[in-house]
Full PDB file with SEQRES, HELIX, SHEET, SSBOND, CRYST1, ORIGX, SCALE, CONECT and MASTER records, all heavy atoms in Angstrom:
SEQRES   1 A   31  GLY GLY ARG LYS ILE SER TYR TYR MET VAL VAL GLY ILE          
SEQRES   2 A   31  LEU GLU ARG PHE VAL LEU LEU TRP LEU PHE SER TYR LEU          
SEQRES   3 A   31  TYR VAL PHE LEU ASN                                          
HELIX    1 AA1 ILE A    5  PHE A   29  1                                  25    
CRYST1    1.000    1.000    1.000  90.00  90.00  90.00 P 1           1          
ORIGX1      1.000000  0.000000  0.000000        0.00000                         
ORIGX2      0.000000  1.000000  0.000000        0.00000                         
ORIGX3      0.000000  0.000000  1.000000        0.00000                         
SCALE1      1.000000  0.000000  0.000000        0.00000                         
SCALE2      0.000000  1.000000  0.000000        0.00000                         
SCALE3      0.000000  0.000000  1.000000        0.00000                         
ATOM      1  N   GLY A   1      97.873 107.732 117.912  1.00  0.00           N  
ATOM      2  CA  GLY A   1      96.620 107.357 117.321  1.00  0.00           C  
ATOM      3  C   GLY A   1      95.436 107.609 118.160  1.00  0.00           C  
ATOM      4  O   GLY A   1      95.316 108.696 118.742  1.00  0.00           O  
ATOM      5  N   GLY A   2      94.560 106.647 118.427  1.00  0.00           N  
ATOM      6  CA  GLY A   2      93.404 106.784 119.229  1.00  0.00           C  
ATOM      7  C   GLY A   2      93.609 106.616 120.674  1.00  0.00           C  
ATOM      8  O   GLY A   2      92.631 106.750 121.500  1.00  0.00           O  
ATOM      9  N   ARG A   3      94.825 106.335 121.092  1.00  0.00           N  
ATOM     10  CA  ARG A   3      95.059 106.124 122.521  1.00  0.00           C  
ATOM     11  C   ARG A   3      95.016 107.454 123.298  1.00  0.00           C  
ATOM     12  O   ARG A   3      95.135 108.508 122.704  1.00  0.00           O  
ATOM     13  CB  ARG A   3      96.437 105.439 122.681  1.00  0.00           C  
ATOM     14  CG  ARG A   3      96.493 104.017 122.332  1.00  0.00           C  
ATOM     15  CD  ARG A   3      97.930 103.480 122.322  1.00  0.00           C  
ATOM     16  NE  ARG A   3      98.670 103.920 121.150  1.00  0.00           N  
ATOM     17  CZ  ARG A   3      99.843 103.419 120.795  1.00  0.00           C  
ATOM     18  NH1 ARG A   3     100.414 102.491 121.571  1.00  0.00           N  
ATOM     19  NH2 ARG A   3     100.422 103.846 119.732  1.00  0.00           N  
ATOM     20  N   LYS A   4      94.859 107.316 124.570  1.00  0.00           N  
ATOM     21  CA  LYS A   4      94.848 108.500 125.426  1.00  0.00           C  
ATOM     22  C   LYS A   4      96.256 109.054 125.434  1.00  0.00           C  
ATOM     23  O   LYS A   4      97.174 108.408 126.046  1.00  0.00           O  
ATOM     24  CB  LYS A   4      94.390 108.173 126.865  1.00  0.00           C  
ATOM     25  CG  LYS A   4      92.909 107.772 126.935  1.00  0.00           C  
ATOM     26  CD  LYS A   4      92.529 107.462 128.356  1.00  0.00           C  
ATOM     27  CE  LYS A   4      91.051 107.126 128.451  1.00  0.00           C  
ATOM     28  NZ  LYS A   4      90.609 106.810 129.840  1.00  0.00           N  
ATOM     29  N   ILE A   5      96.458 110.187 124.826  1.00  0.00           N  
ATOM     30  CA  ILE A   5      97.819 110.692 124.622  1.00  0.00           C  
ATOM     31  C   ILE A   5      98.534 110.971 125.912  1.00  0.00           C  
ATOM     32  O   ILE A   5      99.697 110.588 126.126  1.00  0.00           O  
ATOM     33  CB  ILE A   5      97.765 112.013 123.768  1.00  0.00           C  
ATOM     34  CG1 ILE A   5      97.253 111.682 122.377  1.00  0.00           C  
ATOM     35  CG2 ILE A   5      99.133 112.674 123.716  1.00  0.00           C  
ATOM     36  CD1 ILE A   5      97.140 112.896 121.488  1.00  0.00           C  
ATOM     37  N   SER A   6      97.860 111.567 126.889  1.00  0.00           N  
ATOM     38  CA  SER A   6      98.516 111.859 128.166  1.00  0.00           C  
ATOM     39  C   SER A   6      99.005 110.614 128.858  1.00  0.00           C  
ATOM     40  O   SER A   6     100.192 110.520 129.320  1.00  0.00           O  
ATOM     41  CB  SER A   6      97.575 112.625 129.120  1.00  0.00           C  
ATOM     42  OG  SER A   6      97.291 113.930 128.608  1.00  0.00           O  
ATOM     43  N   TYR A   7      98.197 109.612 128.968  1.00  0.00           N  
ATOM     44  CA  TYR A   7      98.559 108.355 129.563  1.00  0.00           C  
ATOM     45  C   TYR A   7      99.731 107.696 128.733  1.00  0.00           C  
ATOM     46  O   TYR A   7     100.708 107.229 129.340  1.00  0.00           O  
ATOM     47  CB  TYR A   7      97.386 107.391 129.599  1.00  0.00           C  
ATOM     48  CG  TYR A   7      97.693 106.010 130.122  1.00  0.00           C  
ATOM     49  CD1 TYR A   7      97.779 105.769 131.542  1.00  0.00           C  
ATOM     50  CD2 TYR A   7      97.943 104.950 129.297  1.00  0.00           C  
ATOM     51  CE1 TYR A   7      98.073 104.529 132.030  1.00  0.00           C  
ATOM     52  CE2 TYR A   7      98.267 103.707 129.771  1.00  0.00           C  
ATOM     53  CZ  TYR A   7      98.320 103.476 131.160  1.00  0.00           C  
ATOM     54  OH  TYR A   7      98.624 102.234 131.595  1.00  0.00           O  
ATOM     55  N   TYR A   8      99.576 107.669 127.475  1.00  0.00           N  
ATOM     56  CA  TYR A   8     100.579 107.091 126.566  1.00  0.00           C  
ATOM     57  C   TYR A   8     101.958 107.753 126.743  1.00  0.00           C  
ATOM     58  O   TYR A   8     102.997 107.114 126.901  1.00  0.00           O  
ATOM     59  CB  TYR A   8     100.113 107.177 125.143  1.00  0.00           C  
ATOM     60  CG  TYR A   8     101.108 106.765 124.095  1.00  0.00           C  
ATOM     61  CD1 TYR A   8     101.468 105.408 123.951  1.00  0.00           C  
ATOM     62  CD2 TYR A   8     101.723 107.732 123.275  1.00  0.00           C  
ATOM     63  CE1 TYR A   8     102.348 105.041 122.961  1.00  0.00           C  
ATOM     64  CE2 TYR A   8     102.630 107.333 122.276  1.00  0.00           C  
ATOM     65  CZ  TYR A   8     102.964 106.001 122.141  1.00  0.00           C  
ATOM     66  OH  TYR A   8     103.855 105.617 121.162  1.00  0.00           O  
ATOM     67  N   MET A   9     101.950 109.071 126.815  1.00  0.00           N  
ATOM     68  CA  MET A   9     103.202 109.842 126.924  1.00  0.00           C  
ATOM     69  C   MET A   9     103.843 109.710 128.298  1.00  0.00           C  
ATOM     70  O   MET A   9     105.023 109.454 128.433  1.00  0.00           O  
ATOM     71  CB  MET A   9     102.966 111.294 126.593  1.00  0.00           C  
ATOM     72  CG  MET A   9     102.704 111.557 125.101  1.00  0.00           C  
ATOM     73  SD  MET A   9     104.094 111.208 124.067  1.00  0.00           S  
ATOM     74  CE  MET A   9     105.338 112.391 124.646  1.00  0.00           C  
ATOM     75  N   VAL A  10     103.026 109.871 129.354  1.00  0.00           N  
ATOM     76  CA  VAL A  10     103.560 109.832 130.659  1.00  0.00           C  
ATOM     77  C   VAL A  10     104.116 108.450 130.982  1.00  0.00           C  
ATOM     78  O   VAL A  10     105.227 108.341 131.581  1.00  0.00           O  
ATOM     79  CB  VAL A  10     102.462 110.254 131.703  1.00  0.00           C  
ATOM     80  CG1 VAL A  10     102.984 110.021 133.131  1.00  0.00           C  
ATOM     81  CG2 VAL A  10     102.117 111.721 131.506  1.00  0.00           C  
ATOM     82  N   VAL A  11     103.381 107.417 130.611  1.00  0.00           N  
ATOM     83  CA  VAL A  11     103.873 106.073 130.885  1.00  0.00           C  
ATOM     84  C   VAL A  11     105.164 105.818 130.110  1.00  0.00           C  
ATOM     85  O   VAL A  11     106.109 105.232 130.642  1.00  0.00           O  
ATOM     86  CB  VAL A  11     102.773 105.007 130.491  1.00  0.00           C  
ATOM     87  CG1 VAL A  11     103.400 103.600 130.486  1.00  0.00           C  
ATOM     88  CG2 VAL A  11     101.642 105.092 131.428  1.00  0.00           C  
ATOM     89  N   GLY A  12     105.191 106.311 128.859  1.00  0.00           N  
ATOM     90  CA  GLY A  12     106.423 106.132 128.077  1.00  0.00           C  
ATOM     91  C   GLY A  12     107.615 106.873 128.719  1.00  0.00           C  
ATOM     92  O   GLY A  12     108.726 106.341 128.701  1.00  0.00           O  
ATOM     93  N   ILE A  13     107.359 108.041 129.228  1.00  0.00           N  
ATOM     94  CA  ILE A  13     108.482 108.807 129.876  1.00  0.00           C  
ATOM     95  C   ILE A  13     108.950 108.117 131.096  1.00  0.00           C  
ATOM     96  O   ILE A  13     110.171 107.953 131.357  1.00  0.00           O  
ATOM     97  CB  ILE A  13     107.929 110.235 130.247  1.00  0.00           C  
ATOM     98  CG1 ILE A  13     107.747 111.050 128.955  1.00  0.00           C  
ATOM     99  CG2 ILE A  13     108.975 110.903 131.133  1.00  0.00           C  
ATOM    100  CD1 ILE A  13     107.083 112.385 129.179  1.00  0.00           C  
ATOM    101  N   LEU A  14     108.016 107.594 131.918  1.00  0.00           N  
ATOM    102  CA  LEU A  14     108.381 106.865 133.162  1.00  0.00           C  
ATOM    103  C   LEU A  14     109.142 105.572 132.851  1.00  0.00           C  
ATOM    104  O   LEU A  14     110.113 105.223 133.512  1.00  0.00           O  
ATOM    105  CB  LEU A  14     107.163 106.566 134.017  1.00  0.00           C  
ATOM    106  CG  LEU A  14     106.443 107.769 134.611  1.00  0.00           C  
ATOM    107  CD1 LEU A  14     105.153 107.329 135.270  1.00  0.00           C  
ATOM    108  CD2 LEU A  14     107.383 108.481 135.633  1.00  0.00           C  
ATOM    109  N   GLU A  15     108.679 104.889 131.767  1.00  0.00           N  
ATOM    110  CA  GLU A  15     109.418 103.624 131.379  1.00  0.00           C  
ATOM    111  C   GLU A  15     110.799 103.907 130.950  1.00  0.00           C  
ATOM    112  O   GLU A  15     111.743 103.150 131.315  1.00  0.00           O  
ATOM    113  CB  GLU A  15     108.628 102.962 130.255  1.00  0.00           C  
ATOM    114  CG  GLU A  15     107.327 102.264 130.675  1.00  0.00           C  
ATOM    115  CD  GLU A  15     106.648 101.659 129.473  1.00  0.00           C  
ATOM    116  OE1 GLU A  15     107.042 101.905 128.307  1.00  0.00           O  
ATOM    117  OE2 GLU A  15     105.673 100.894 129.685  1.00  0.00           O  
ATOM    118  N   ARG A  16     110.994 104.992 130.209  1.00  0.00           N  
ATOM    119  CA  ARG A  16     112.365 105.311 129.742  1.00  0.00           C  
ATOM    120  C   ARG A  16     113.185 105.760 130.880  1.00  0.00           C  
ATOM    121  O   ARG A  16     114.431 105.432 130.958  1.00  0.00           O  
ATOM    122  CB  ARG A  16     112.336 106.392 128.617  1.00  0.00           C  
ATOM    123  CG  ARG A  16     113.661 106.574 127.985  1.00  0.00           C  
ATOM    124  CD  ARG A  16     113.599 107.466 126.805  1.00  0.00           C  
ATOM    125  NE  ARG A  16     114.915 107.452 126.084  1.00  0.00           N  
ATOM    126  CZ  ARG A  16     115.190 108.220 125.073  1.00  0.00           C  
ATOM    127  NH1 ARG A  16     114.339 109.058 124.599  1.00  0.00           N  
ATOM    128  NH2 ARG A  16     116.401 108.139 124.517  1.00  0.00           N  
ATOM    129  N   PHE A  17     112.655 106.476 131.828  1.00  0.00           N  
ATOM    130  CA  PHE A  17     113.397 106.866 133.018  1.00  0.00           C  
ATOM    131  C   PHE A  17     113.896 105.626 133.746  1.00  0.00           C  
ATOM    132  O   PHE A  17     115.092 105.576 134.146  1.00  0.00           O  
ATOM    133  CB  PHE A  17     112.585 107.736 133.924  1.00  0.00           C  
ATOM    134  CG  PHE A  17     113.110 107.871 135.327  1.00  0.00           C  
ATOM    135  CD1 PHE A  17     114.238 108.650 135.596  1.00  0.00           C  
ATOM    136  CD2 PHE A  17     112.557 107.178 136.413  1.00  0.00           C  
ATOM    137  CE1 PHE A  17     114.747 108.763 136.880  1.00  0.00           C  
ATOM    138  CE2 PHE A  17     113.022 107.263 137.662  1.00  0.00           C  
ATOM    139  CZ  PHE A  17     114.158 108.057 137.911  1.00  0.00           C  
ATOM    140  N   VAL A  18     113.047 104.655 133.980  1.00  0.00           N  
ATOM    141  CA  VAL A  18     113.378 103.514 134.732  1.00  0.00           C  
ATOM    142  C   VAL A  18     114.483 102.703 134.027  1.00  0.00           C  
ATOM    143  O   VAL A  18     115.458 102.253 134.644  1.00  0.00           O  
ATOM    144  CB  VAL A  18     112.157 102.552 134.965  1.00  0.00           C  
ATOM    145  CG1 VAL A  18     112.595 101.233 135.483  1.00  0.00           C  
ATOM    146  CG2 VAL A  18     111.166 103.247 135.864  1.00  0.00           C  
ATOM    147  N   LEU A  19     114.422 102.647 132.712  1.00  0.00           N  
ATOM    148  CA  LEU A  19     115.440 101.877 131.914  1.00  0.00           C  
ATOM    149  C   LEU A  19     116.775 102.613 131.915  1.00  0.00           C  
ATOM    150  O   LEU A  19     117.825 101.986 131.984  1.00  0.00           O  
ATOM    151  CB  LEU A  19     114.950 101.699 130.493  1.00  0.00           C  
ATOM    152  CG  LEU A  19     113.864 100.598 130.341  1.00  0.00           C  
ATOM    153  CD1 LEU A  19     113.326 100.606 128.907  1.00  0.00           C  
ATOM    154  CD2 LEU A  19     114.404  99.234 130.667  1.00  0.00           C  
ATOM    155  N   LEU A  20     116.728 103.955 131.852  1.00  0.00           N  
ATOM    156  CA  LEU A  20     117.968 104.721 131.960  1.00  0.00           C  
ATOM    157  C   LEU A  20     118.599 104.523 133.357  1.00  0.00           C  
ATOM    158  O   LEU A  20     119.823 104.417 133.486  1.00  0.00           O  
ATOM    159  CB  LEU A  20     117.717 106.183 131.685  1.00  0.00           C  
ATOM    160  CG  LEU A  20     117.639 106.650 130.240  1.00  0.00           C  
ATOM    161  CD1 LEU A  20     117.195 108.067 130.128  1.00  0.00           C  
ATOM    162  CD2 LEU A  20     119.004 106.510 129.556  1.00  0.00           C  
ATOM    163  N   TRP A  21     117.785 104.623 134.348  1.00  0.00           N  
ATOM    164  CA  TRP A  21     118.235 104.427 135.754  1.00  0.00           C  
ATOM    165  C   TRP A  21     118.841 103.036 135.867  1.00  0.00           C  
ATOM    166  O   TRP A  21     119.926 102.853 136.476  1.00  0.00           O  
ATOM    167  CB  TRP A  21     117.027 104.579 136.688  1.00  0.00           C  
ATOM    168  CG  TRP A  21     117.377 104.260 138.145  1.00  0.00           C  
ATOM    169  CD1 TRP A  21     118.078 105.054 139.026  1.00  0.00           C  
ATOM    170  CD2 TRP A  21     117.018 103.108 138.874  1.00  0.00           C  
ATOM    171  NE1 TRP A  21     118.197 104.414 140.255  1.00  0.00           N  
ATOM    172  CE2 TRP A  21     117.546 103.244 140.168  1.00  0.00           C  
ATOM    173  CE3 TRP A  21     116.358 101.918 138.464  1.00  0.00           C  
ATOM    174  CZ2 TRP A  21     117.359 102.228 141.123  1.00  0.00           C  
ATOM    175  CZ3 TRP A  21     116.150 100.978 139.465  1.00  0.00           C  
ATOM    176  CH2 TRP A  21     116.684 101.105 140.758  1.00  0.00           C  
ATOM    177  N   LEU A  22     118.163 102.014 135.259  1.00  0.00           N  
ATOM    178  CA  LEU A  22     118.716 100.679 135.317  1.00  0.00           C  
ATOM    179  C   LEU A  22     120.030 100.577 134.585  1.00  0.00           C  
ATOM    180  O   LEU A  22     121.009  99.902 135.060  1.00  0.00           O  
ATOM    181  CB  LEU A  22     117.680  99.698 134.748  1.00  0.00           C  
ATOM    182  CG  LEU A  22     118.051  98.180 134.764  1.00  0.00           C  
ATOM    183  CD1 LEU A  22     118.168  97.692 136.190  1.00  0.00           C  
ATOM    184  CD2 LEU A  22     116.983  97.434 134.019  1.00  0.00           C  
ATOM    185  N   PHE A  23     120.140 101.205 133.437  1.00  0.00           N  
ATOM    186  CA  PHE A  23     121.340 101.202 132.663  1.00  0.00           C  
ATOM    187  C   PHE A  23     122.498 101.756 133.413  1.00  0.00           C  
ATOM    188  O   PHE A  23     123.663 101.348 133.335  1.00  0.00           O  
ATOM    189  CB  PHE A  23     121.162 101.963 131.385  1.00  0.00           C  
ATOM    190  CG  PHE A  23     122.299 101.899 130.428  1.00  0.00           C  
ATOM    191  CD1 PHE A  23     122.516 100.822 129.564  1.00  0.00           C  
ATOM    192  CD2 PHE A  23     123.207 102.909 130.418  1.00  0.00           C  
ATOM    193  CE1 PHE A  23     123.592 100.765 128.738  1.00  0.00           C  
ATOM    194  CE2 PHE A  23     124.314 102.941 129.499  1.00  0.00           C  
ATOM    195  CZ  PHE A  23     124.517 101.823 128.691  1.00  0.00           C  
ATOM    196  N   SER A  24     122.221 102.801 134.283  1.00  0.00           N  
ATOM    197  CA  SER A  24     123.304 103.481 135.073  1.00  0.00           C  
ATOM    198  C   SER A  24     123.910 102.486 136.008  1.00  0.00           C  
ATOM    199  O   SER A  24     125.085 102.667 136.434  1.00  0.00           O  
ATOM    200  CB  SER A  24     122.715 104.676 135.824  1.00  0.00           C  
ATOM    201  OG  SER A  24     121.912 104.266 136.890  1.00  0.00           O  
ATOM    202  N   TYR A  25     123.236 101.431 136.388  1.00  0.00           N  
ATOM    203  CA  TYR A  25     123.853 100.372 137.226  1.00  0.00           C  
ATOM    204  C   TYR A  25     124.408  99.229 136.425  1.00  0.00           C  
ATOM    205  O   TYR A  25     125.484  98.699 136.719  1.00  0.00           O  
ATOM    206  CB  TYR A  25     122.765  99.840 138.211  1.00  0.00           C  
ATOM    207  CG  TYR A  25     122.503 100.758 139.369  1.00  0.00           C  
ATOM    208  CD1 TYR A  25     121.391 101.554 139.399  1.00  0.00           C  
ATOM    209  CD2 TYR A  25     123.376 100.802 140.441  1.00  0.00           C  
ATOM    210  CE1 TYR A  25     121.138 102.393 140.422  1.00  0.00           C  
ATOM    211  CE2 TYR A  25     123.120 101.666 141.526  1.00  0.00           C  
ATOM    212  CZ  TYR A  25     121.963 102.458 141.512  1.00  0.00           C  
ATOM    213  OH  TYR A  25     121.767 103.301 142.564  1.00  0.00           O  
ATOM    214  N   LEU A  26     123.682  98.831 135.409  1.00  0.00           N  
ATOM    215  CA  LEU A  26     124.126  97.641 134.633  1.00  0.00           C  
ATOM    216  C   LEU A  26     125.502  97.769 134.033  1.00  0.00           C  
ATOM    217  O   LEU A  26     126.302  96.870 134.141  1.00  0.00           O  
ATOM    218  CB  LEU A  26     123.096  97.343 133.530  1.00  0.00           C  
ATOM    219  CG  LEU A  26     121.695  96.852 134.008  1.00  0.00           C  
ATOM    220  CD1 LEU A  26     120.793  96.497 132.814  1.00  0.00           C  
ATOM    221  CD2 LEU A  26     121.797  95.651 134.974  1.00  0.00           C  
ATOM    222  N   TYR A  27     125.761  98.940 133.421  1.00  0.00           N  
ATOM    223  CA  TYR A  27     127.047  99.032 132.684  1.00  0.00           C  
ATOM    224  C   TYR A  27     128.182  99.096 133.672  1.00  0.00           C  
ATOM    225  O   TYR A  27     129.287  98.719 133.339  1.00  0.00           O  
ATOM    226  CB  TYR A  27     127.058 100.234 131.757  1.00  0.00           C  
ATOM    227  CG  TYR A  27     127.398 101.567 132.319  1.00  0.00           C  
ATOM    228  CD1 TYR A  27     128.715 101.965 132.450  1.00  0.00           C  
ATOM    229  CD2 TYR A  27     126.426 102.440 132.792  1.00  0.00           C  
ATOM    230  CE1 TYR A  27     129.093 103.224 132.943  1.00  0.00           C  
ATOM    231  CE2 TYR A  27     126.805 103.625 133.353  1.00  0.00           C  
ATOM    232  CZ  TYR A  27     128.132 104.043 133.412  1.00  0.00           C  
ATOM    233  OH  TYR A  27     128.464 105.288 133.952  1.00  0.00           O  
ATOM    234  N   VAL A  28     127.967  99.493 134.918  1.00  0.00           N  
ATOM    235  CA  VAL A  28     128.955  99.531 135.985  1.00  0.00           C  
ATOM    236  C   VAL A  28     129.175  98.100 136.524  1.00  0.00           C  
ATOM    237  O   VAL A  28     130.274  97.613 136.653  1.00  0.00           O  
ATOM    238  CB  VAL A  28     128.558 100.465 137.110  1.00  0.00           C  
ATOM    239  CG1 VAL A  28     129.559 100.361 138.278  1.00  0.00           C  
ATOM    240  CG2 VAL A  28     128.488 101.945 136.624  1.00  0.00           C  
ATOM    241  N   PHE A  29     128.055  97.422 136.848  1.00  0.00           N  
ATOM    242  CA  PHE A  29     128.158  96.086 137.424  1.00  0.00           C  
ATOM    243  C   PHE A  29     128.708  95.068 136.456  1.00  0.00           C  
ATOM    244  O   PHE A  29     129.199  94.006 136.869  1.00  0.00           O  
ATOM    245  CB  PHE A  29     126.791  95.651 137.905  1.00  0.00           C  
ATOM    246  CG  PHE A  29     126.262  96.437 139.112  1.00  0.00           C  
ATOM    247  CD1 PHE A  29     124.932  96.336 139.457  1.00  0.00           C  
ATOM    248  CD2 PHE A  29     127.105  97.189 139.889  1.00  0.00           C  
ATOM    249  CE1 PHE A  29     124.464  97.012 140.578  1.00  0.00           C  
ATOM    250  CE2 PHE A  29     126.666  97.857 140.988  1.00  0.00           C  
ATOM    251  CZ  PHE A  29     125.335  97.829 141.341  1.00  0.00           C  
ATOM    252  N   LEU A  30     128.615  95.320 135.148  1.00  0.00           N  
ATOM    253  CA  LEU A  30     129.046  94.399 134.120  1.00  0.00           C  
ATOM    254  C   LEU A  30     130.486  94.648 133.624  1.00  0.00           C  
ATOM    255  O   LEU A  30     131.007  93.978 132.763  1.00  0.00           O  
ATOM    256  CB  LEU A  30     128.126  94.478 132.904  1.00  0.00           C  
ATOM    257  CG  LEU A  30     126.725  93.872 133.087  1.00  0.00           C  
ATOM    258  CD1 LEU A  30     125.840  94.255 131.881  1.00  0.00           C  
ATOM    259  CD2 LEU A  30     126.788  92.354 133.252  1.00  0.00           C  
ATOM    260  N   ASN A  31     131.146  95.615 134.299  1.00  0.00           N  
ATOM    261  CA  ASN A  31     132.519  95.928 133.871  1.00  0.00           C  
ATOM    262  C   ASN A  31     133.476  95.409 134.909  1.00  0.00           C  
ATOM    263  O   ASN A  31     133.591  95.930 136.028  1.00  0.00           O  
ATOM    264  CB  ASN A  31     132.681  97.438 133.755  1.00  0.00           C  
ATOM    265  CG  ASN A  31     134.003  97.814 133.002  1.00  0.00           C  
ATOM    266  OD1 ASN A  31     134.982  97.190 133.212  1.00  0.00           O  
ATOM    267  ND2 ASN A  31     133.913  98.862 132.171  1.00  0.00           N  
TER     268      ASN A  31                                                      
MASTER        0    0    0    1    0    0    0    6  267    1    0    3          
END                                                                             
């Protein structure tokens, strides 16, 4: 929409990276 696309996309990419990185530990520690 009217948001700054670059900021919106880059922040979204970084957020997903962090969550994927976190998931790589959580599923191991929870097993």
